[in-house]
Amino acid sequence: MSWSISSTGKAKDVAVEIAAQAGKINLSDAGEMETVAKVADTIAQTLSTFDPEKPVSVAASGHMGFSDWEKKTGQYQNVSLSIQVIHFTA
């Protein structure tokens, strides 16, 4: 399975949007769902340290795989998370 969440805007708005997107993800593997919840929590905690008006871009994604897909053995997850401030120059 795979999943992704992303949003760009003011930190306070992005935090709300990311939480909403994460809440809509429905995966069949409980471990992968726990990963999504923990990633969303990490994003929320991180953005809570930002100025609420600071423009940011957040993207997170992941997928679960198996070394042997047919036997469903050798389970693993790949996860990527990016939280970046958007800097404007005059």
C-alpha atoms as a PDB file:
ATOM      1  CA  MET A   1       0.000   0.000   0.000  1.00  0.00           C
ATOM      2  CA  SER A   2       1.051   3.601  -0.400  1.00  0.00           C
ATOM      3  CA  TRP A   3      -0.060   6.958   0.973  1.00  0.00           C
ATOM      4  CA  SER A   4       0.751  10.659   0.696  1.00  0.00           C
ATOM      5  CA  ILE A   5      -0.225  13.942   2.320  1.00  0.00           C
ATOM      6  CA  SER A   6       0.820  17.477   1.409  1.00  0.00           C
ATOM      7  CA  SER A   7      -0.122  21.104   1.839  1.00  0.00           C
ATOM      8  CA  THR A   8       1.352  24.573   1.311  1.00  0.00           C
ATOM      9  CA  GLY A   9       0.310  27.796   3.027  1.00  0.00           C
ATOM     10  CA  LYS A  10       0.398  29.399   6.461  1.00  0.00           C
ATOM     11  CA  ALA A  11       1.729  27.031   9.135  1.00  0.00           C
ATOM     12  CA  LYS A  12      -1.534  27.153  11.111  1.00  0.00           C
ATOM     13  CA  ASP A  13      -3.620  26.253   8.024  1.00  0.00           C
ATOM     14  CA  VAL A  14      -1.219  23.574   6.824  1.00  0.00           C
ATOM     15  CA  ALA A  15      -1.366  21.866  10.229  1.00  0.00           C
ATOM     16  CA  VAL A  16      -5.154  21.622   9.986  1.00  0.00           C
ATOM     17  CA  GLU A  17      -5.076  20.401   6.384  1.00  0.00           C
ATOM     18  CA  ILE A  18      -2.436  17.741   7.063  1.00  0.00           C
ATOM     19  CA  ALA A  19      -4.408  16.404  10.035  1.00  0.00           C
ATOM     20  CA  ALA A  20      -7.548  16.209   7.880  1.00  0.00           C
ATOM     21  CA  GLN A  21      -5.748  14.405   5.063  1.00  0.00           C
ATOM     22  CA  ALA A  22      -4.096  11.933   7.446  1.00  0.00           C
ATOM     23  CA  GLY A  23      -7.478  11.195   9.010  1.00  0.00           C
ATOM     24  CA  LYS A  24      -8.873  10.162   5.620  1.00  0.00           C
ATOM     25  CA  ILE A  25      -6.146   7.628   4.840  1.00  0.00           C
ATOM     26  CA  ASN A  26      -7.384   4.061   5.195  1.00  0.00           C
ATOM     27  CA  LEU A  27      -4.786   1.318   4.835  1.00  0.00           C
ATOM     28  CA  SER A  28      -5.249  -2.373   5.491  1.00  0.00           C
ATOM     29  CA  ASP A  29      -2.058  -2.753   7.558  1.00  0.00           C
ATOM     30  CA  ALA A  30      -2.293  -1.567  11.173  1.00  0.00           C
ATOM     31  CA  GLY A  31       1.452  -0.886  11.362  1.00  0.00           C
ATOM     32  CA  GLU A  32       1.354   1.312   8.295  1.00  0.00           C
ATOM     33  CA  MET A  33      -1.657   3.189   9.698  1.00  0.00           C
ATOM     34  CA  GLU A  34       0.294   3.779  12.906  1.00  0.00           C
ATOM     35  CA  THR A  35       3.144   5.184  10.804  1.00  0.00           C
ATOM     36  CA  VAL A  36       0.763   7.654   9.120  1.00  0.00           C
ATOM     37  CA  ALA A  37      -0.576   8.762  12.518  1.00  0.00           C
ATOM     38  CA  LYS A  38       2.938   9.241  13.916  1.00  0.00           C
ATOM     39  CA  VAL A  39       4.072  11.185  10.852  1.00  0.00           C
ATOM     40  CA  ALA A  40       0.995  13.432  11.156  1.00  0.00           C
ATOM     41  CA  ASP A  41       1.756  13.933  14.869  1.00  0.00           C
ATOM     42  CA  THR A  42       5.373  14.829  14.046  1.00  0.00           C
ATOM     43  CA  ILE A  43       4.196  17.379  11.485  1.00  0.00           C
ATOM     44  CA  ALA A  44       1.713  18.896  13.957  1.00  0.00           C
ATOM     45  CA  GLN A  45       4.339  19.113  16.702  1.00  0.00           C
ATOM     46  CA  THR A  46       6.892  20.664  14.362  1.00  0.00           C
ATOM     47  CA  LEU A  47       4.473  23.229  12.936  1.00  0.00           C
ATOM     48  CA  SER A  48       3.385  24.171  16.477  1.00  0.00           C
ATOM     49  CA  THR A  49       6.872  25.636  16.941  1.00  0.00           C
ATOM     50  CA  PHE A  50       6.478  27.928  13.903  1.00  0.00           C
ATOM     51  CA  ASP A  51       5.029  31.412  13.730  1.00  0.00           C
ATOM     52  CA  PRO A  52       1.401  30.536  12.775  1.00  0.00           C
ATOM     53  CA  GLU A  53       1.564  32.942   9.815  1.00  0.00           C
ATOM     54  CA  LYS A  54       4.875  31.570   8.458  1.00  0.00           C
ATOM     55  CA  PRO A  55       4.466  30.144   4.927  1.00  0.00           C
ATOM     56  CA  VAL A  56       5.477  26.492   4.728  1.00  0.00           C
ATOM     57  CA  SER A  57       5.360  23.528   2.425  1.00  0.00           C
ATOM     58  CA  VAL A  58       4.815  20.045   3.868  1.00  0.00           C
ATOM     59  CA  ALA A  59       4.892  16.727   2.057  1.00  0.00           C
ATOM     60  CA  ALA A  60       4.959  13.194   3.423  1.00  0.00           C
ATOM     61  CA  SER A  61       4.560   9.847   1.744  1.00  0.00           C
ATOM     62  CA  GLY A  62       5.225   6.226   2.297  1.00  0.00           C
ATOM     63  CA  HIS A  63       4.644   2.717   1.112  1.00  0.00           C
ATOM     64  CA  MET A  64       4.834  -0.799   2.439  1.00  0.00           C
ATOM     65  CA  GLY A  65       6.515  -3.593   0.590  1.00  0.00           C
ATOM     66  CA  PHE A  66       7.655  -7.162   1.013  1.00  0.00           C
ATOM     67  CA  SER A  67      10.861  -8.897   0.017  1.00  0.00           C
ATOM     68  CA  ASP A  68       8.603 -11.700  -1.227  1.00  0.00           C
ATOM     69  CA  TRP A  69       5.327 -10.134  -2.314  1.00  0.00           C
ATOM     70  CA  GLU A  70       3.540 -13.436  -2.984  1.00  0.00           C
ATOM     71  CA  LYS A  71       4.393 -14.903   0.445  1.00  0.00           C
ATOM     72  CA  LYS A  72       4.036 -11.498   2.179  1.00  0.00           C
ATOM     73  CA  THR A  73       7.358 -11.966   3.997  1.00  0.00           C
ATOM     74  CA  GLY A  74      10.221  -9.549   4.577  1.00  0.00           C
ATOM     75  CA  GLN A  75       7.877  -6.647   5.311  1.00  0.00           C
ATOM     76  CA  TYR A  76       9.295  -3.091   5.254  1.00  0.00           C
ATOM     77  CA  GLN A  77       8.200   0.555   4.947  1.00  0.00           C
ATOM     78  CA  ASN A  78       9.747   3.511   3.130  1.00  0.00           C
ATOM     79  CA  VAL A  79       8.732   6.920   4.505  1.00  0.00           C
ATOM     80  CA  SER A  80       9.656  10.430   3.388  1.00  0.00           C
ATOM     81  CA  LEU A  81       8.845  13.680   5.213  1.00  0.00           C
ATOM     82  CA  SER A  82       9.689  17.250   4.232  1.00  0.00           C
ATOM     83  CA  ILE A  83       8.793  20.427   6.132  1.00  0.00           C
ATOM     84  CA  GLN A  84      10.184  23.568   4.550  1.00  0.00           C
ATOM     85  CA  VAL A  85       9.770  27.270   5.189  1.00  0.00           C
ATOM     86  CA  ILE A  86       8.936  29.290   2.102  1.00  0.00           C
ATOM     87  CA  HIS A  87      11.216  32.318   1.964  1.00  0.00           C
ATOM     88  CA  PHE A  88      10.152  35.284  -0.117  1.00  0.00           C
ATOM     89  CA  THR A  89      12.696  37.703  -1.503  1.00  0.00           C
ATOM     90  CA  ALA A  90      11.981  41.252  -2.507  1.00  0.00           C
END
